[in-house]
């Protein structure tokens, strides 16, 4: 009974936060409600026992996406731009509500399907991972994960392409100026060591339990961003060779493993004897690339310093 009451309350909070994010009178209020909505969605996935999805939603959907939106508001404020006051769009709201009802009806009309849980469980002992999600992402459906890592790098290239010619080779984002005795500076010194341990643990534990490169990389990106916002570290120049090596380390190692598997008869095919170490090596390299890419995406294109 308690679980049912919690689920109903969570559904009500989800609807309220989503509605508040859409109809908020200001950009900042809308972003705040959007972040709250992401937190509630993560709790919903947790209630469905989809812990890996919940971690990803909390870290990316609510965390980094919220930071990106807040950064966009800051850019608009610095540029002196003001967003027009939102007006209720009744036809659009009715259309979205009708589409939601149609999607719900289509979902309920789907026939019961057993899924592939039995097949995944049967192949788990030779997959190199005890966590079925990791086994699927880095072994059974590894090509999808490889393409996702390449797309993430391509997105960063697109963001950097927005830089002005005189800014190329500079550091991404604007310099941060904080009070040495302020709250942000204190958090910038206190939280990064804790976040570093959490991120490393998520990567290490990902082969056996919920976690992995995307979750750990997102936490490490947040650690870097917090330290940068507090003025404790400075982002490297976009031409830095070590930075570029970190950005492509994951996709290159992943692709190299795939090519090696192709020479053995199966692209990205991992032999059971070496699947475990290979998956861990790919996870570590992907974590480095994901953390660097996400942090740089939030910082934005290179900016010429005055």
Protein backbone atom coordinates (compact mmCIF):
# COMPACT_ATOMS: atom_id res chain seq x y z
CA UNK A 1 0.00 0.00 0.00
CA UNK A 2 2.84 2.38 0.88
CA UNK A 3 4.49 1.68 -2.48
CA UNK A 4 1.27 2.47 -4.35
CA UNK A 5 0.86 5.78 -2.50
CA UNK A 6 4.47 6.71 -3.31
CA UNK A 7 4.00 5.83 -6.99
CA UNK A 8 0.83 7.92 -7.24
CA UNK A 9 2.56 10.84 -5.53
CA UNK A 10 5.54 10.49 -7.86
CA UNK A 11 3.25 10.51 -10.92
CA UNK A 12 1.54 13.64 -9.63
CA UNK A 13 4.89 15.35 -9.08
CA UNK A 14 6.02 14.33 -12.58
CA UNK A 15 2.95 15.87 -14.18
CA UNK A 16 3.15 19.00 -12.03
CA UNK A 17 6.87 19.56 -12.71
CA UNK A 18 6.43 18.98 -16.45
CA UNK A 19 3.49 21.36 -16.64
CA UNK A 20 5.31 23.97 -14.56
CA UNK A 21 8.37 23.76 -16.84
CA UNK A 22 6.19 24.42 -19.90
CA UNK A 23 4.05 27.26 -18.54
CA UNK A 24 6.68 28.99 -16.39
CA UNK A 25 6.71 32.76 -16.87
CA UNK A 26 10.50 33.04 -16.92
CA UNK A 27 13.35 31.12 -18.49
CA UNK A 28 15.11 30.52 -15.19
CA UNK A 29 11.97 29.18 -13.52
CA UNK A 30 11.33 26.92 -16.52
CA UNK A 31 14.83 25.46 -16.33
CA UNK A 32 14.54 24.88 -12.58
CA UNK A 33 11.28 22.99 -13.06
CA UNK A 34 12.85 21.06 -15.94
CA UNK A 35 15.70 19.94 -13.65
CA UNK A 36 13.16 18.93 -11.00
CA UNK A 37 11.26 17.00 -13.68
CA UNK A 38 14.47 15.14 -14.58
CA UNK A 39 15.01 14.17 -10.94
CA UNK A 40 11.46 12.81 -10.70
CA UNK A 41 11.94 10.86 -13.95
CA UNK A 42 15.10 9.32 -12.48
CA UNK A 43 13.10 8.29 -9.39
CA UNK A 44 10.49 6.76 -11.71
CA UNK A 45 13.10 4.64 -13.47
CA UNK A 46 14.44 3.63 -10.06
CA UNK A 47 10.96 2.46 -9.05
CA UNK A 48 10.92 0.34 -12.23
CA UNK A 49 14.24 -1.27 -11.19
CA UNK A 50 15.99 0.28 -14.21
CA UNK A 51 18.90 1.53 -12.11
CA UNK A 52 21.27 2.12 -15.04
CA UNK A 53 18.68 4.27 -16.80
CA UNK A 54 17.96 6.13 -13.55
CA UNK A 55 21.65 6.95 -13.11
CA UNK A 56 21.92 8.19 -16.69
CA UNK A 57 18.76 10.31 -16.37
CA UNK A 58 19.90 11.89 -13.10
CA UNK A 59 23.41 12.63 -14.38
CA UNK A 60 22.63 13.70 -17.96
CA UNK A 61 18.91 14.47 -18.18
CA UNK A 62 18.72 16.51 -15.00
CA UNK A 63 22.36 17.33 -14.31
CA UNK A 64 24.37 18.32 -17.38
CA UNK A 65 21.34 19.27 -19.45
CA UNK A 66 20.24 21.61 -16.68
CA UNK A 67 23.71 23.15 -16.56
CA UNK A 68 23.62 23.64 -20.35
CA UNK A 69 20.26 25.41 -20.15
CA UNK A 70 21.42 27.62 -17.27
CA UNK A 71 24.53 28.45 -19.29
CA UNK A 72 22.32 29.40 -22.25
CA UNK A 73 20.36 31.76 -19.99
CA UNK A 74 23.64 33.31 -18.87
CA UNK A 75 24.71 33.80 -22.49
CA UNK A 76 21.41 35.53 -23.26
CA UNK A 77 21.82 37.81 -20.24
CA UNK A 78 25.37 38.77 -21.25
CA UNK A 79 24.20 39.49 -24.79
CA UNK A 80 21.39 41.68 -23.47
CA UNK A 81 18.72 39.56 -25.12
CA UNK A 82 15.35 39.12 -23.47
CA UNK A 83 12.99 36.26 -24.17
CA UNK A 84 9.42 37.24 -25.04
CA UNK A 85 6.80 36.54 -22.42
CA UNK A 86 5.28 33.11 -23.11
CA UNK A 87 1.68 32.98 -24.28
CA UNK A 88 -0.62 30.01 -23.72
CA UNK A 89 -0.96 27.99 -26.93
CA UNK A 90 -4.19 26.08 -26.45
CA UNK A 91 -4.18 24.25 -29.83
CA UNK A 92 -0.61 23.09 -29.31
CA UNK A 93 -1.40 21.94 -25.77
CA UNK A 94 -4.42 19.99 -27.01
CA UNK A 95 -2.36 18.43 -29.80
CA UNK A 96 0.36 17.34 -27.35
CA UNK A 97 -2.25 15.93 -24.97
CA UNK A 98 -3.92 14.02 -27.79
CA UNK A 99 -0.60 12.63 -28.98
CA UNK A 100 0.20 11.49 -25.44
CA UNK A 101 -3.15 9.70 -25.23
CA UNK A 102 -2.54 8.02 -28.59
CA UNK A 103 0.91 6.86 -27.51
CA UNK A 104 -0.52 5.52 -24.25
CA UNK A 105 -3.27 3.66 -26.11
CA UNK A 106 -0.74 2.21 -28.57
CA UNK A 107 1.44 1.04 -25.69
CA UNK A 108 -1.47 -0.65 -23.94
CA UNK A 109 -2.49 -2.33 -27.22
CA UNK A 110 0.92 -3.91 -27.73
CA UNK A 111 0.89 -7.72 -27.38
CA UNK A 112 2.77 -9.32 -24.54
CA UNK A 113 6.30 -10.20 -25.67
CA UNK A 114 8.79 -12.27 -23.71
CA UNK A 115 11.71 -10.06 -24.72
CA UNK A 116 15.29 -11.26 -24.81
CA UNK A 117 15.90 -11.57 -21.07
CA UNK A 118 16.27 -15.34 -21.27
CA UNK A 119 18.76 -15.17 -24.16
CA UNK A 120 20.82 -12.47 -22.44
CA UNK A 121 20.87 -14.42 -19.17
CA UNK A 122 21.96 -17.58 -20.98
CA UNK A 123 24.83 -15.81 -22.75
CA UNK A 124 25.90 -13.76 -19.72
CA UNK A 125 28.60 -16.22 -18.50
CA UNK A 126 30.58 -15.77 -21.74
CA UNK A 127 29.90 -12.05 -22.17
CA UNK A 128 32.71 -10.78 -19.94
CA UNK A 129 30.32 -8.87 -17.66
CA UNK A 130 27.96 -9.82 -14.85
CA UNK A 131 25.76 -6.77 -15.42
CA UNK A 132 23.37 -7.60 -18.29
CA UNK A 133 23.15 -3.94 -19.35
CA UNK A 134 26.94 -3.75 -19.75
CA UNK A 135 26.96 -7.09 -21.56
CA UNK A 136 24.42 -5.80 -24.09
CA UNK A 137 26.02 -2.39 -24.58
CA UNK A 138 29.62 -3.56 -24.91
CA UNK A 139 29.28 -7.04 -26.34
CA UNK A 140 25.95 -8.14 -27.80
CA UNK A 141 25.04 -4.69 -29.27
CA UNK A 142 28.47 -3.06 -29.13
CA UNK A 143 28.18 -1.38 -32.54
CA UNK A 144 25.39 0.86 -31.19
CA UNK A 145 27.60 2.02 -28.32
CA UNK A 146 30.53 2.57 -30.68
CA UNK A 147 28.40 4.78 -32.95
CA UNK A 148 27.09 6.73 -29.95
CA UNK A 149 30.63 7.51 -28.81
CA UNK A 150 31.56 8.67 -32.33
CA UNK A 151 28.44 10.85 -32.58
CA UNK A 152 29.29 12.49 -29.24
CA UNK A 153 32.73 13.44 -30.55
CA UNK A 154 31.21 14.73 -33.78
CA UNK A 155 28.84 16.97 -31.80
CA UNK A 156 31.79 18.54 -30.00
CA UNK A 157 33.49 19.18 -33.36
CA UNK A 158 30.29 20.95 -34.45
CA UNK A 159 30.30 23.12 -31.31
CA UNK A 160 33.96 24.04 -31.81
CA UNK A 161 33.17 24.95 -35.42
CA UNK A 162 31.08 27.84 -34.07
CA UNK A 163 34.21 29.57 -32.75
CA UNK A 164 35.39 32.74 -34.42
CA UNK A 165 38.60 32.56 -36.42
CA UNK A 166 40.51 34.75 -33.96
CA UNK A 167 39.42 32.49 -31.07
CA UNK A 168 40.64 29.21 -32.52
CA UNK A 169 43.36 27.71 -30.36
CA UNK A 170 42.08 29.49 -27.25
CA UNK A 171 40.46 27.91 -24.22
CA UNK A 172 36.76 26.93 -24.34
CA UNK A 173 34.25 29.02 -22.45
CA UNK A 174 34.67 32.28 -20.64
CA UNK A 175 37.04 32.67 -17.66
CA UNK A 176 35.40 32.21 -14.27
CA UNK A 177 35.81 34.81 -11.55
CA UNK A 178 34.72 33.79 -8.06
CA UNK A 179 35.33 35.09 -4.56
CA UNK A 180 38.10 33.08 -2.88
CA UNK A 181 36.02 32.84 0.30
CA UNK A 182 32.68 32.33 -1.48
CA UNK A 183 30.37 29.32 -1.45
CA UNK A 184 31.24 28.26 -5.01
CA UNK A 185 34.95 28.30 -4.27
CA UNK A 186 34.35 26.18 -1.17
CA UNK A 187 32.28 23.63 -3.06
CA UNK A 188 34.91 23.61 -5.81
CA UNK A 189 37.48 22.44 -3.30
CA UNK A 190 35.25 20.12 -1.23
CA UNK A 191 33.17 18.16 -3.75
CA UNK A 192 35.59 17.22 -6.59
CA UNK A 193 37.52 14.59 -4.56
CA UNK A 194 34.23 12.95 -3.54
CA UNK A 195 32.89 13.14 -7.10
CA UNK A 196 36.12 11.66 -8.43
CA UNK A 197 35.74 8.62 -6.18
CA UNK A 198 32.07 8.20 -7.15
CA UNK A 199 32.89 8.43 -10.87
CA UNK A 200 35.72 5.92 -10.67
CA UNK A 201 33.55 3.55 -8.63
CA UNK A 202 30.71 3.70 -11.16
CA UNK A 203 33.12 2.72 -13.94
CA UNK A 204 34.76 -0.05 -11.93
CA UNK A 205 31.44 -1.48 -10.73
CA UNK A 206 29.74 -1.20 -14.11
CA UNK A 207 30.66 -4.71 -15.24
CA UNK A 208 29.08 -6.30 -12.17
CA UNK A 209 26.26 -3.93 -11.14
CA UNK A 210 24.57 -0.71 -12.27
CA UNK A 211 27.08 1.85 -13.50
CA UNK A 212 29.45 2.16 -16.43
CA UNK A 213 31.25 4.59 -18.70
CA UNK A 214 28.37 6.96 -19.42
CA UNK A 215 27.35 7.33 -15.78
CA UNK A 216 30.92 7.55 -14.49
CA UNK A 217 31.98 9.89 -17.30
CA UNK A 218 29.09 12.23 -16.58
CA UNK A 219 30.01 12.43 -12.90
CA UNK A 220 33.65 13.12 -13.77
CA UNK A 221 32.55 15.81 -16.24
CA UNK A 222 30.50 17.44 -13.48
CA UNK A 223 33.55 17.31 -11.19
CA UNK A 224 35.68 19.08 -13.81
CA UNK A 225 33.00 21.69 -14.47
CA UNK A 226 32.55 22.42 -10.76
CA UNK A 227 36.29 22.85 -10.32
CA UNK A 228 36.41 25.11 -13.40
CA UNK A 229 33.46 27.21 -12.19
CA UNK A 230 35.20 27.59 -8.84
CA UNK A 231 38.38 28.77 -10.56
CA UNK A 232 40.38 25.82 -9.24
CA UNK A 233 41.32 24.53 -12.72
CA UNK A 234 41.55 26.05 -16.17
CA UNK A 235 40.27 24.34 -19.28
CA UNK A 236 43.08 23.40 -21.68
CA UNK A 237 43.35 24.92 -25.12
CA UNK A 238 41.41 23.11 -27.83
CA UNK A 239 44.70 22.46 -29.65
CA UNK A 240 46.20 20.63 -26.66
CA UNK A 241 47.40 17.19 -27.80
CA UNK A 242 46.61 15.47 -24.49
CA UNK A 243 43.07 16.84 -24.59
CA UNK A 244 42.53 15.60 -28.13
CA UNK A 245 43.97 12.21 -27.21
CA UNK A 246 41.49 11.96 -24.33
CA UNK A 247 38.59 12.91 -26.61
CA UNK A 248 39.28 10.12 -29.12
CA UNK A 249 40.72 7.47 -26.78
CA UNK A 250 37.40 5.68 -26.27
CA UNK A 251 36.20 5.55 -29.89
CA UNK A 252 39.66 4.60 -31.20
CA UNK A 253 40.14 1.75 -28.70
CA UNK A 254 36.57 0.59 -29.32
CA UNK A 255 37.12 0.63 -33.09
CA UNK A 256 40.47 -1.15 -32.72
CA UNK A 257 38.80 -3.95 -30.75
CA UNK A 258 36.14 -4.15 -33.45
CA UNK A 259 38.73 -4.44 -36.22
CA UNK A 260 40.59 -7.10 -34.27
CA UNK A 261 37.34 -9.02 -33.92
CA UNK A 262 36.69 -8.65 -37.66
CA UNK A 263 40.07 -10.20 -38.42
CA UNK A 264 39.00 -13.12 -36.24
CA UNK A 265 35.73 -13.49 -38.11
CA UNK A 266 33.29 -11.18 -36.24
CA UNK A 267 33.34 -7.37 -36.05
CA UNK A 268 33.34 -6.40 -32.36
CA UNK A 269 33.15 -10.08 -31.47
CA UNK A 270 34.79 -10.58 -28.07
CA UNK A 271 36.28 -13.98 -27.34
CA UNK A 272 35.03 -15.26 -23.95
CA UNK A 273 38.60 -15.66 -22.67
CA UNK A 274 39.41 -11.96 -23.10
CA UNK A 275 35.94 -10.38 -23.06
CA UNK A 276 36.15 -9.27 -19.42
CA UNK A 277 39.49 -7.37 -19.63
CA UNK A 278 38.56 -5.88 -23.01
CA UNK A 279 35.23 -4.58 -21.72
CA UNK A 280 36.92 -2.99 -18.71
CA UNK A 281 39.59 -1.38 -20.93
CA UNK A 282 36.93 -0.02 -23.29
CA UNK A 283 34.91 1.29 -20.34
CA UNK A 284 37.93 3.14 -18.93
CA UNK A 285 38.82 4.68 -22.30
CA UNK A 286 35.19 5.61 -22.99
CA UNK A 287 34.91 7.22 -19.55
CA UNK A 288 37.89 9.45 -20.31
CA UNK A 289 36.41 10.48 -23.68
CA UNK A 290 32.86 10.95 -22.38
CA UNK A 291 33.97 13.03 -19.39
CA UNK A 292 36.14 15.29 -21.56
CA UNK A 293 33.52 15.66 -24.30
CA UNK A 294 30.60 16.43 -22.00
CA UNK A 295 32.57 18.98 -20.01
CA UNK A 296 33.76 20.73 -23.16
CA UNK A 297 30.23 20.73 -24.61
CA UNK A 298 29.03 22.57 -21.54
CA UNK A 299 31.92 25.05 -21.64
CA UNK A 300 31.15 25.83 -25.29
CA UNK A 301 33.37 26.92 -28.21
CA UNK A 302 36.76 28.56 -27.73
CA UNK A 303 36.58 32.18 -26.63
CA UNK A 304 39.21 34.86 -27.27
CA UNK A 305 40.38 36.35 -23.98
CA UNK A 306 40.51 40.09 -23.67
